[in-house]
Amino acid sequence: MFCARCGQQIAEGTEICPLCGREANFPMTSSPAGSGQAAAAAPARSVPSFSSTESPRGVRGWLLLFCLGVTVFGPAAFLVQMGNASHSLNSGYLLDFLRVMSGAVAGALLWTQNPVALKAVRVYFILLGVTVVVVLLSLVASGMRVGTSVLMGPNFSNFTRLGINGCIWLAYFMKSERVRNTYGANL
């Protein structure tokens, strides 16, 4: 049978579609000759039409903003940051480079609706989480060395920006109906 909400094929007798999470109460057969007696016994139901606002699909809205952010603005900001750096490269810059490049790859895969896009997004969020932890540890270490609060550290704004943005986008990818409809699942 097919889900009346998202149109994907699901197991016969399924009440809730495992793909879209909505009630799949309008059974449809895959072929007219598939179940002759069952189709005759069941009353005919019309399949409602849904507008695009009820089932968002494709790279639009917030998903498009994420793709633009990680494929265009993220690498551009990283290059500007590298140009303004007055000190030598260290492991923090290498981690930032890996995070930015994995974000660019994930954004490009999302944009092209590649089937492995969500795996690349997972890698991006893992690197983002590691970056946030490293920045937090460096803030604590510099605060202990100098004897100041973590809130007064030079990288505190970077830590809060990465942490808050990361949490918001992670929640989006875990709950978004557009992501689920476009890629078949959420994170």
N, C-alpha and C. Protein backbone atom coordinates (compact mmCIF):
# COMPACT_ATOMS: atom_id res chain seq x y z
N MET A 1 0.84 -1.18 0.00
CA MET A 1 0.00 0.00 0.00
C MET A 1 0.88 1.24 0.00
N PHE A 2 0.28 2.36 -0.32
CA PHE A 2 1.01 3.61 -0.38
C PHE A 2 0.45 4.57 0.65
N CYS A 3 1.32 5.38 1.23
CA CYS A 3 0.89 6.40 2.18
C CYS A 3 0.15 7.49 1.41
N ALA A 4 -1.03 7.85 1.88
CA ALA A 4 -1.83 8.87 1.22
C ALA A 4 -1.26 10.27 1.46
N ARG A 5 -0.40 10.40 2.43
CA ARG A 5 0.17 11.72 2.76
C ARG A 5 1.41 12.03 1.94
N CYS A 6 2.39 11.07 1.92
CA CYS A 6 3.65 11.35 1.23
C CYS A 6 3.81 10.57 -0.07
N GLY A 7 2.95 9.56 -0.31
CA GLY A 7 2.98 8.82 -1.55
C GLY A 7 4.01 7.71 -1.61
N GLN A 8 4.73 7.46 -0.52
CA GLN A 8 5.75 6.42 -0.50
C GLN A 8 5.10 5.07 -0.20
N GLN A 9 5.69 4.00 -0.72
CA GLN A 9 5.17 2.66 -0.48
C GLN A 9 5.53 2.24 0.94
N ILE A 10 4.53 1.72 1.65
CA ILE A 10 4.74 1.26 3.02
C ILE A 10 4.13 -0.12 3.17
N ALA A 11 4.41 -0.76 4.29
CA ALA A 11 3.91 -2.11 4.54
C ALA A 11 2.39 -2.12 4.62
N GLU A 12 1.80 -3.19 4.14
CA GLU A 12 0.35 -3.35 4.14
C GLU A 12 -0.17 -3.30 5.57
N GLY A 13 -1.22 -2.56 5.81
CA GLY A 13 -1.85 -2.49 7.12
C GLY A 13 -1.22 -1.48 8.06
N THR A 14 -0.25 -0.74 7.62
CA THR A 14 0.42 0.26 8.47
C THR A 14 -0.53 1.44 8.67
N GLU A 15 -0.72 1.81 9.95
CA GLU A 15 -1.61 2.92 10.24
C GLU A 15 -0.89 4.26 10.24
N ILE A 16 0.35 4.29 10.71
CA ILE A 16 1.16 5.49 10.73
C ILE A 16 2.35 5.28 9.81
N CYS A 17 2.54 6.17 8.86
CA CYS A 17 3.63 6.06 7.89
C CYS A 17 4.97 6.25 8.61
N PRO A 18 5.91 5.30 8.46
CA PRO A 18 7.21 5.46 9.12
C PRO A 18 8.08 6.53 8.45
N LEU A 19 7.72 6.97 7.25
CA LEU A 19 8.52 7.96 6.54
C LEU A 19 8.11 9.39 6.86
N CYS A 20 6.79 9.63 6.83
CA CYS A 20 6.34 11.00 7.08
C CYS A 20 5.75 11.18 8.47
N GLY A 21 5.46 10.08 9.18
CA GLY A 21 4.96 10.17 10.54
C GLY A 21 3.49 10.55 10.65
N ARG A 22 2.79 10.55 9.54
CA ARG A 22 1.37 10.92 9.57
C ARG A 22 0.51 9.69 9.35
N GLU A 23 -0.77 9.82 9.62
CA GLU A 23 -1.69 8.70 9.47
C GLU A 23 -1.84 8.34 7.99
N ALA A 24 -1.66 7.07 7.70
CA ALA A 24 -1.74 6.58 6.32
C ALA A 24 -3.02 5.77 6.18
N ASN A 25 -4.16 6.43 6.27
CA ASN A 25 -5.43 5.72 6.33
C ASN A 25 -6.15 5.60 4.99
N PHE A 26 -5.53 5.96 3.90
CA PHE A 26 -6.15 5.82 2.60
C PHE A 26 -5.39 4.75 1.82
N PRO A 27 -5.78 3.47 1.94
CA PRO A 27 -5.02 2.43 1.24
C PRO A 27 -5.20 2.52 -0.27
N MET A 28 -4.10 2.31 -0.98
CA MET A 28 -4.11 2.27 -2.44
C MET A 28 -3.35 1.02 -2.85
N THR A 29 -3.78 0.37 -3.90
CA THR A 29 -3.07 -0.81 -4.36
C THR A 29 -2.05 -0.41 -5.40
N SER A 30 -0.99 -1.23 -5.51
CA SER A 30 0.07 -0.90 -6.46
C SER A 30 -0.33 -1.24 -7.89
N SER A 31 -1.29 -2.17 -8.05
CA SER A 31 -1.77 -2.48 -9.41
C SER A 31 -3.26 -2.77 -9.33
N PRO A 32 -4.00 -2.50 -10.40
CA PRO A 32 -5.45 -2.71 -10.37
C PRO A 32 -5.82 -4.18 -10.16
N ALA A 33 -5.00 -5.10 -10.62
CA ALA A 33 -5.34 -6.51 -10.49
C ALA A 33 -4.78 -7.10 -9.21
N GLY A 34 -4.10 -6.31 -8.38
CA GLY A 34 -3.40 -6.81 -7.20
C GLY A 34 -4.32 -7.43 -6.17
N SER A 35 -5.41 -6.80 -5.82
CA SER A 35 -6.30 -7.34 -4.79
C SER A 35 -7.73 -7.07 -5.20
N GLY A 36 -8.25 -7.88 -6.10
CA GLY A 36 -9.57 -7.69 -6.68
C GLY A 36 -10.69 -7.71 -5.66
N GLN A 37 -10.73 -8.74 -4.79
CA GLN A 37 -11.83 -8.85 -3.83
C GLN A 37 -11.70 -7.82 -2.73
N ALA A 38 -10.48 -7.55 -2.27
CA ALA A 38 -10.30 -6.58 -1.20
C ALA A 38 -10.69 -5.18 -1.69
N ALA A 39 -10.36 -4.88 -2.92
CA ALA A 39 -10.71 -3.57 -3.46
C ALA A 39 -12.21 -3.44 -3.65
N ALA A 40 -12.87 -4.54 -4.02
CA ALA A 40 -14.31 -4.49 -4.21
C ALA A 40 -15.03 -4.37 -2.88
N ALA A 41 -14.51 -5.00 -1.83
CA ALA A 41 -15.16 -4.98 -0.53
C ALA A 41 -14.99 -3.63 0.17
N ALA A 42 -13.88 -2.98 -0.05
CA ALA A 42 -13.63 -1.71 0.61
C ALA A 42 -14.36 -0.58 -0.12
N PRO A 43 -14.97 0.32 0.63
CA PRO A 43 -15.63 1.45 -0.04
C PRO A 43 -14.59 2.35 -0.69
N ALA A 44 -14.98 2.91 -1.81
CA ALA A 44 -14.07 3.79 -2.54
C ALA A 44 -13.89 5.09 -1.77
N ARG A 45 -12.64 5.50 -1.62
CA ARG A 45 -12.33 6.76 -0.94
C ARG A 45 -11.57 7.64 -1.91
N SER A 46 -11.84 8.90 -1.82
CA SER A 46 -11.08 9.82 -2.66
C SER A 46 -9.80 10.22 -1.92
N VAL A 47 -8.73 10.37 -2.67
CA VAL A 47 -7.47 10.78 -2.09
C VAL A 47 -7.43 12.30 -2.09
N PRO A 48 -7.28 12.90 -0.91
CA PRO A 48 -7.27 14.37 -0.87
C PRO A 48 -6.02 14.92 -1.52
N SER A 49 -6.15 16.09 -2.10
CA SER A 49 -4.97 16.74 -2.66
C SER A 49 -4.39 17.67 -1.60
N PHE A 50 -3.07 17.72 -1.54
CA PHE A 50 -2.39 18.56 -0.56
C PHE A 50 -1.61 19.63 -1.29
N SER A 51 -1.66 20.80 -0.74
CA SER A 51 -0.87 21.88 -1.33
C SER A 51 0.58 21.73 -0.89
N SER A 52 1.47 22.44 -1.55
CA SER A 52 2.89 22.33 -1.24
C SER A 52 3.21 22.86 0.15
N THR A 53 2.33 23.67 0.74
CA THR A 53 2.59 24.17 2.08
C THR A 53 2.37 23.10 3.13
N GLU A 54 1.56 22.07 2.83
CA GLU A 54 1.33 21.02 3.80
C GLU A 54 2.43 19.97 3.77
N SER A 55 3.07 19.76 2.66
CA SER A 55 4.14 18.79 2.53
C SER A 55 5.34 19.44 1.86
N PRO A 56 6.09 20.22 2.62
CA PRO A 56 7.22 20.91 1.99
C PRO A 56 8.30 19.93 1.54
N ARG A 57 8.81 20.14 0.35
CA ARG A 57 9.87 19.31 -0.21
C ARG A 57 10.87 20.21 -0.90
N GLY A 58 12.05 19.68 -1.11
CA GLY A 58 13.06 20.38 -1.87
C GLY A 58 13.90 21.32 -1.03
N VAL A 59 14.88 21.89 -1.66
CA VAL A 59 15.81 22.79 -0.98
C VAL A 59 15.26 24.20 -1.08
N ARG A 60 14.46 24.55 -0.10
CA ARG A 60 13.85 25.88 -0.02
C ARG A 60 13.80 26.28 1.45
N GLY A 61 13.42 27.49 1.71
CA GLY A 61 13.22 27.96 3.07
C GLY A 61 14.49 27.89 3.91
N TRP A 62 14.34 27.38 5.14
CA TRP A 62 15.46 27.30 6.07
C TRP A 62 16.55 26.36 5.58
N LEU A 63 16.16 25.31 4.86
CA LEU A 63 17.15 24.38 4.33
C LEU A 63 18.04 25.07 3.30
N LEU A 64 17.47 25.92 2.48
CA LEU A 64 18.25 26.70 1.52
C LEU A 64 19.19 27.66 2.25
N LEU A 65 18.70 28.28 3.32
CA LEU A 65 19.54 29.19 4.10
C LEU A 65 20.73 28.44 4.70
N PHE A 66 20.49 27.23 5.21
CA PHE A 66 21.59 26.42 5.75
C PHE A 66 22.61 26.10 4.66
N CYS A 67 22.12 25.66 3.49
CA CYS A 67 23.01 25.32 2.38
C CYS A 67 23.86 26.52 1.96
N LEU A 68 23.25 27.69 1.84
CA LEU A 68 24.00 28.90 1.49
C LEU A 68 25.02 29.24 2.57
N GLY A 69 24.61 29.09 3.82
CA GLY A 69 25.51 29.42 4.92
C GLY A 69 26.75 28.55 4.96
N VAL A 70 26.58 27.24 4.78
CA VAL A 70 27.74 26.36 4.90
C VAL A 70 28.53 26.22 3.62
N THR A 71 27.93 26.50 2.46
CA THR A 71 28.68 26.36 1.22
C THR A 71 29.31 27.68 0.74
N VAL A 72 28.70 28.80 1.08
CA VAL A 72 29.20 30.09 0.59
C VAL A 72 29.75 30.95 1.73
N PHE A 73 28.89 31.26 2.70
CA PHE A 73 29.28 32.21 3.74
C PHE A 73 30.28 31.65 4.73
N GLY A 74 30.16 30.37 5.09
CA GLY A 74 31.11 29.74 6.02
C GLY A 74 32.53 29.75 5.49
N PRO A 75 32.77 29.23 4.28
CA PRO A 75 34.14 29.29 3.74
C PRO A 75 34.65 30.72 3.55
N ALA A 76 33.78 31.63 3.14
CA ALA A 76 34.21 33.03 2.95
C ALA A 76 34.63 33.64 4.29
N ALA A 77 33.85 33.41 5.34
CA ALA A 77 34.20 33.94 6.66
C ALA A 77 35.50 33.32 7.17
N PHE A 78 35.70 32.03 6.89
CA PHE A 78 36.94 31.37 7.31
C PHE A 78 38.15 31.98 6.60
N LEU A 79 38.01 32.25 5.30
CA LEU A 79 39.12 32.86 4.56
C LEU A 79 39.43 34.26 5.07
N VAL A 80 38.41 35.03 5.41
CA VAL A 80 38.62 36.36 5.98
C VAL A 80 39.32 36.24 7.32
N GLN A 81 38.89 35.29 8.14
CA GLN A 81 39.50 35.07 9.45
C GLN A 81 40.97 34.67 9.29
N MET A 82 41.26 33.83 8.32
CA MET A 82 42.65 33.42 8.09
C MET A 82 43.49 34.59 7.59
N GLY A 83 42.91 35.46 6.80
CA GLY A 83 43.63 36.63 6.31
C GLY A 83 43.95 37.62 7.41
N ASN A 84 43.08 37.69 8.42
CA ASN A 84 43.28 38.61 9.53
C ASN A 84 44.11 38.02 10.66
N ALA A 85 44.43 36.74 10.60
CA ALA A 85 45.16 36.08 11.68
C ALA A 85 46.59 36.59 11.72
N SER A 86 47.00 37.05 12.89
CA SER A 86 48.36 37.58 13.04
C SER A 86 49.28 36.56 13.70
N HIS A 87 48.75 35.39 14.04
CA HIS A 87 49.58 34.39 14.69
C HIS A 87 49.65 33.13 13.82
N SER A 88 50.50 32.23 14.20
CA SER A 88 50.73 31.04 13.38
C SER A 88 49.53 30.09 13.44
N LEU A 89 49.48 29.21 12.48
CA LEU A 89 48.41 28.22 12.42
C LEU A 89 48.62 27.20 13.53
N ASN A 90 47.51 26.75 14.12
CA ASN A 90 47.58 25.74 15.17
C ASN A 90 46.48 24.71 14.95
N SER A 91 46.35 23.80 15.90
CA SER A 91 45.36 22.73 15.73
C SER A 91 43.93 23.27 15.71
N GLY A 92 43.68 24.41 16.36
CA GLY A 92 42.35 25.02 16.33
C GLY A 92 41.96 25.44 14.92
N TYR A 93 42.93 25.98 14.17
CA TYR A 93 42.65 26.36 12.80
C TYR A 93 42.43 25.15 11.91
N LEU A 94 43.18 24.08 12.17
CA LEU A 94 42.99 22.85 11.41
C LEU A 94 41.60 22.28 11.66
N LEU A 95 41.16 22.29 12.91
CA LEU A 95 39.81 21.81 13.23
C LEU A 95 38.75 22.69 12.59
N ASP A 96 38.96 24.01 12.62
CA ASP A 96 38.03 24.93 11.96
C ASP A 96 37.98 24.66 10.46
N PHE A 97 39.15 24.45 9.86
CA PHE A 97 39.21 24.16 8.42
C PHE A 97 38.42 22.88 8.10
N LEU A 98 38.61 21.84 8.88
CA LEU A 98 37.88 20.58 8.65
C LEU A 98 36.38 20.78 8.81
N ARG A 99 35.98 21.55 9.83
CA ARG A 99 34.55 21.81 10.05
C ARG A 99 33.96 22.59 8.88
N VAL A 100 34.66 23.63 8.43
CA VAL A 100 34.15 24.46 7.33
C VAL A 100 34.07 23.66 6.04
N MET A 101 35.09 22.86 5.76
CA MET A 101 35.08 22.07 4.52
C MET A 101 34.03 20.96 4.57
N SER A 102 33.85 20.33 5.74
CA SER A 102 32.78 19.31 5.83
C SER A 102 31.42 19.95 5.69
N GLY A 103 31.26 21.18 6.20
CA GLY A 103 30.01 21.90 6.01
C GLY A 103 29.76 22.24 4.56
N ALA A 104 30.82 22.63 3.84
CA ALA A 104 30.66 22.94 2.42
C ALA A 104 30.27 21.70 1.63
N VAL A 105 30.88 20.56 1.95
CA VAL A 105 30.53 19.30 1.27
C VAL A 105 29.09 18.91 1.62
N ALA A 106 28.73 18.99 2.90
CA ALA A 106 27.37 18.64 3.31
C ALA A 106 26.34 19.55 2.64
N GLY A 107 26.63 20.84 2.59
CA GLY A 107 25.71 21.78 1.95
C GLY A 107 25.54 21.50 0.47
N ALA A 108 26.65 21.17 -0.21
CA ALA A 108 26.56 20.86 -1.64
C ALA A 108 25.77 19.58 -1.86
N LEU A 109 25.97 18.58 -1.02
CA LEU A 109 25.21 17.33 -1.15
C LEU A 109 23.73 17.55 -0.85
N LEU A 110 23.43 18.39 0.14
CA LEU A 110 22.03 18.71 0.43
C LEU A 110 21.41 19.43 -0.76
N TRP A 111 22.13 20.38 -1.30
CA TRP A 111 21.63 21.20 -2.40
C TRP A 111 21.29 20.34 -3.61
N THR A 112 22.11 19.32 -3.88
CA THR A 112 21.87 18.44 -5.03
C THR A 112 20.96 17.27 -4.67
N GLN A 113 20.47 17.23 -3.44
CA GLN A 113 19.58 16.20 -2.92
C GLN A 113 20.19 14.81 -3.09
N ASN A 114 21.47 14.70 -2.82
CA ASN A 114 22.20 13.45 -2.88
C ASN A 114 21.75 12.55 -1.73
N PRO A 115 21.64 11.23 -1.96
CA PRO A 115 21.18 10.34 -0.90
C PRO A 115 22.10 10.28 0.33
N VAL A 116 23.37 10.59 0.19
CA VAL A 116 24.29 10.54 1.33
C VAL A 116 24.39 11.89 2.05
N ALA A 117 23.54 12.82 1.71
CA ALA A 117 23.61 14.17 2.27
C ALA A 117 23.47 14.17 3.79
N LEU A 118 22.54 13.39 4.33
CA LEU A 118 22.34 13.40 5.78
C LEU A 118 23.54 12.81 6.52
N LYS A 119 24.25 11.87 5.91
CA LYS A 119 25.47 11.33 6.54
C LYS A 119 26.53 12.42 6.60
N ALA A 120 26.65 13.20 5.53
CA ALA A 120 27.61 14.31 5.52
C ALA A 120 27.22 15.37 6.54
N VAL A 121 25.93 15.60 6.73
CA VAL A 121 25.46 16.56 7.73
C VAL A 121 25.80 16.06 9.13
N ARG A 122 25.68 14.76 9.36
CA ARG A 122 26.06 14.18 10.66
C ARG A 122 27.54 14.43 10.94
N VAL A 123 28.39 14.20 9.94
CA VAL A 123 29.83 14.45 10.10
C VAL A 123 30.07 15.92 10.42
N TYR A 124 29.36 16.80 9.74
CA TYR A 124 29.51 18.23 9.99
C TYR A 124 29.14 18.56 11.44
N PHE A 125 28.02 18.02 11.93
CA PHE A 125 27.61 18.33 13.30
C PHE A 125 28.55 17.71 14.33
N ILE A 126 29.13 16.57 14.02
CA ILE A 126 30.12 15.98 14.93
C ILE A 126 31.35 16.89 15.01
N LEU A 127 31.84 17.35 13.86
CA LEU A 127 32.99 18.27 13.87
C LEU A 127 32.64 19.60 14.53
N LEU A 128 31.41 20.05 14.35
CA LEU A 128 30.98 21.28 15.02
C LEU A 128 30.98 21.09 16.54
N GLY A 129 30.47 19.96 17.00
CA GLY A 129 30.48 19.68 18.44
C GLY A 129 31.88 19.58 19.00
N VAL A 130 32.78 18.93 18.27
CA VAL A 130 34.17 18.84 18.72
C VAL A 130 34.79 20.24 18.77
N THR A 131 34.51 21.07 17.78
CA THR A 131 35.03 22.44 17.76
C THR A 131 34.54 23.23 18.97
N VAL A 132 33.25 23.09 19.29
CA VAL A 132 32.69 23.81 20.44
C VAL A 132 33.37 23.36 21.73
N VAL A 133 33.60 22.06 21.87
CA VAL A 133 34.25 21.54 23.08
C VAL A 133 35.70 22.04 23.16
N VAL A 134 36.41 22.04 22.05
CA VAL A 134 37.80 22.51 22.04
C VAL A 134 37.87 23.99 22.40
N VAL A 135 36.97 24.79 21.83
CA VAL A 135 36.95 26.22 22.15
C VAL A 135 36.63 26.43 23.63
N LEU A 136 35.68 25.66 24.17
CA LEU A 136 35.35 25.77 25.59
C LEU A 136 36.54 25.40 26.47
N LEU A 137 37.23 24.32 26.12
CA LEU A 137 38.40 23.91 26.90
C LEU A 137 39.51 24.96 26.83
N SER A 138 39.70 25.56 25.67
CA SER A 138 40.72 26.61 25.56
C SER A 138 40.32 27.85 26.37
N LEU A 139 39.03 28.15 26.42
CA LEU A 139 38.56 29.27 27.24
C LEU A 139 38.83 29.00 28.73
N VAL A 140 38.53 27.79 29.16
CA VAL A 140 38.75 27.44 30.56
C VAL A 140 40.24 27.48 30.88
N ALA A 141 41.07 26.93 29.98
CA ALA A 141 42.52 26.91 30.22
C ALA A 141 43.09 28.32 30.27
N SER A 142 42.68 29.20 29.34
CA SER A 142 43.20 30.56 29.36
C SER A 142 42.67 31.33 30.56
N GLY A 143 41.45 31.04 30.98
CA GLY A 143 40.91 31.70 32.17
C GLY A 143 41.65 31.28 33.43
N MET A 144 42.01 30.02 33.51
CA MET A 144 42.75 29.54 34.68
C MET A 144 44.18 30.09 34.67
N ARG A 145 44.76 30.22 33.50
CA ARG A 145 46.13 30.70 33.39
C ARG A 145 46.20 32.19 33.78
N VAL A 146 45.25 32.95 33.33
CA VAL A 146 45.26 34.39 33.57
C VAL A 146 44.53 34.75 34.87
N GLY A 147 43.66 33.88 35.31
CA GLY A 147 42.90 34.14 36.53
C GLY A 147 41.65 34.96 36.29
N THR A 148 41.04 34.82 35.11
CA THR A 148 39.81 35.54 34.80
C THR A 148 38.68 34.54 34.56
N SER A 149 37.52 35.07 34.39
CA SER A 149 36.35 34.25 34.12
C SER A 149 36.37 33.74 32.67
N VAL A 150 35.70 32.62 32.46
CA VAL A 150 35.55 32.08 31.10
C VAL A 150 34.80 33.07 30.21
N LEU A 151 33.90 33.81 30.82
CA LEU A 151 33.11 34.79 30.07
C LEU A 151 33.95 35.94 29.53
N MET A 152 35.12 36.14 30.09
CA MET A 152 35.98 37.25 29.67
C MET A 152 37.02 36.80 28.64
N GLY A 153 37.02 35.52 28.28
CA GLY A 153 38.00 35.00 27.34
C GLY A 153 37.82 35.59 25.95
N PRO A 154 38.92 35.61 25.18
CA PRO A 154 38.85 36.22 23.85
C PRO A 154 38.00 35.42 22.86
N ASN A 155 37.80 34.15 23.10
CA ASN A 155 37.03 33.32 22.16
C ASN A 155 35.62 33.03 22.66
N PHE A 156 35.16 33.74 23.69
CA PHE A 156 33.83 33.44 24.22
C PHE A 156 32.73 33.72 23.20
N SER A 157 32.85 34.79 22.44
CA SER A 157 31.82 35.09 21.43
C SER A 157 31.82 34.02 20.34
N ASN A 158 32.99 33.51 19.98
CA ASN A 158 33.08 32.42 19.00
C ASN A 158 32.41 31.16 19.54
N PHE A 159 32.65 30.88 20.82
CA PHE A 159 32.05 29.72 21.48
C PHE A 159 30.52 29.83 21.49
N THR A 160 30.00 30.98 21.88
CA THR A 160 28.54 31.14 21.95
C THR A 160 27.91 31.10 20.56
N ARG A 161 28.57 31.73 19.59
CA ARG A 161 28.03 31.71 18.22
C ARG A 161 27.98 30.29 17.68
N LEU A 162 29.06 29.56 17.80
CA LEU A 162 29.09 28.18 17.32
C LEU A 162 28.09 27.31 18.07
N GLY A 163 28.05 27.45 19.39
CA GLY A 163 27.16 26.61 20.19
C GLY A 163 25.69 26.86 19.92
N ILE A 164 25.31 28.12 19.89
CA ILE A 164 23.89 28.44 19.66
C ILE A 164 23.47 28.08 18.25
N ASN A 165 24.28 28.49 17.24
CA ASN A 165 23.94 28.14 15.86
C ASN A 165 23.90 26.63 15.67
N GLY A 166 24.86 25.93 16.25
CA GLY A 166 24.89 24.47 16.12
C GLY A 166 23.65 23.82 16.71
N CYS A 167 23.23 24.28 17.89
CA CYS A 167 22.04 23.70 18.53
C CYS A 167 20.77 23.98 17.72
N ILE A 168 20.66 25.19 17.20
CA ILE A 168 19.47 25.55 16.42
C ILE A 168 19.40 24.71 15.15
N TRP A 169 20.52 24.60 14.41
CA TRP A 169 20.50 23.83 13.16
C TRP A 169 20.35 22.34 13.42
N LEU A 170 20.94 21.85 14.49
CA LEU A 170 20.76 20.43 14.82
C LEU A 170 19.30 20.13 15.11
N ALA A 171 18.65 20.99 15.87
CA ALA A 171 17.21 20.82 16.15
C ALA A 171 16.40 20.88 14.87
N TYR A 172 16.77 21.78 13.96
CA TYR A 172 16.07 21.88 12.69
C TYR A 172 16.17 20.57 11.91
N PHE A 173 17.38 20.03 11.79
CA PHE A 173 17.57 18.80 11.03
C PHE A 173 16.93 17.59 11.71
N MET A 174 16.74 17.65 13.01
CA MET A 174 16.11 16.53 13.72
C MET A 174 14.58 16.58 13.61
N LYS A 175 14.01 17.77 13.45
CA LYS A 175 12.55 17.91 13.49
C LYS A 175 11.90 18.38 12.20
N SER A 176 12.65 18.83 11.24
CA SER A 176 12.09 19.47 10.05
C SER A 176 11.30 18.51 9.17
N GLU A 177 10.10 18.91 8.85
CA GLU A 177 9.26 18.15 7.92
C GLU A 177 9.83 18.22 6.50
N ARG A 178 10.41 19.36 6.14
CA ARG A 178 11.01 19.50 4.81
C ARG A 178 12.18 18.54 4.64
N VAL A 179 13.03 18.43 5.66
CA VAL A 179 14.17 17.50 5.59
C VAL A 179 13.65 16.07 5.46
N ARG A 180 12.65 15.71 6.25
CA ARG A 180 12.09 14.36 6.22
C ARG A 180 11.47 14.06 4.85
N ASN A 181 10.73 15.02 4.30
CA ASN A 181 10.09 14.79 3.00
C ASN A 181 11.09 14.77 1.86
N THR A 182 12.16 15.53 1.96
CA THR A 182 13.12 15.62 0.87
C THR A 182 14.11 14.46 0.87
N TYR A 183 14.59 14.08 2.07
CA TYR A 183 15.65 13.07 2.16
C TYR A 183 15.18 11.74 2.75
N GLY A 184 13.90 11.63 3.11
CA GLY A 184 13.34 10.38 3.60
C GLY A 184 13.50 10.13 5.08
N ALA A 185 14.25 10.98 5.78
CA ALA A 185 14.46 10.82 7.22
C ALA A 185 15.01 12.12 7.79
N ASN A 186 15.01 12.20 9.10
CA ASN A 186 15.66 13.29 9.80
C ASN A 186 16.96 12.75 10.40
N LEU A 187 17.75 13.65 10.98
CA LEU A 187 18.99 13.20 11.66
C LEU A 187 18.66 12.34 12.84
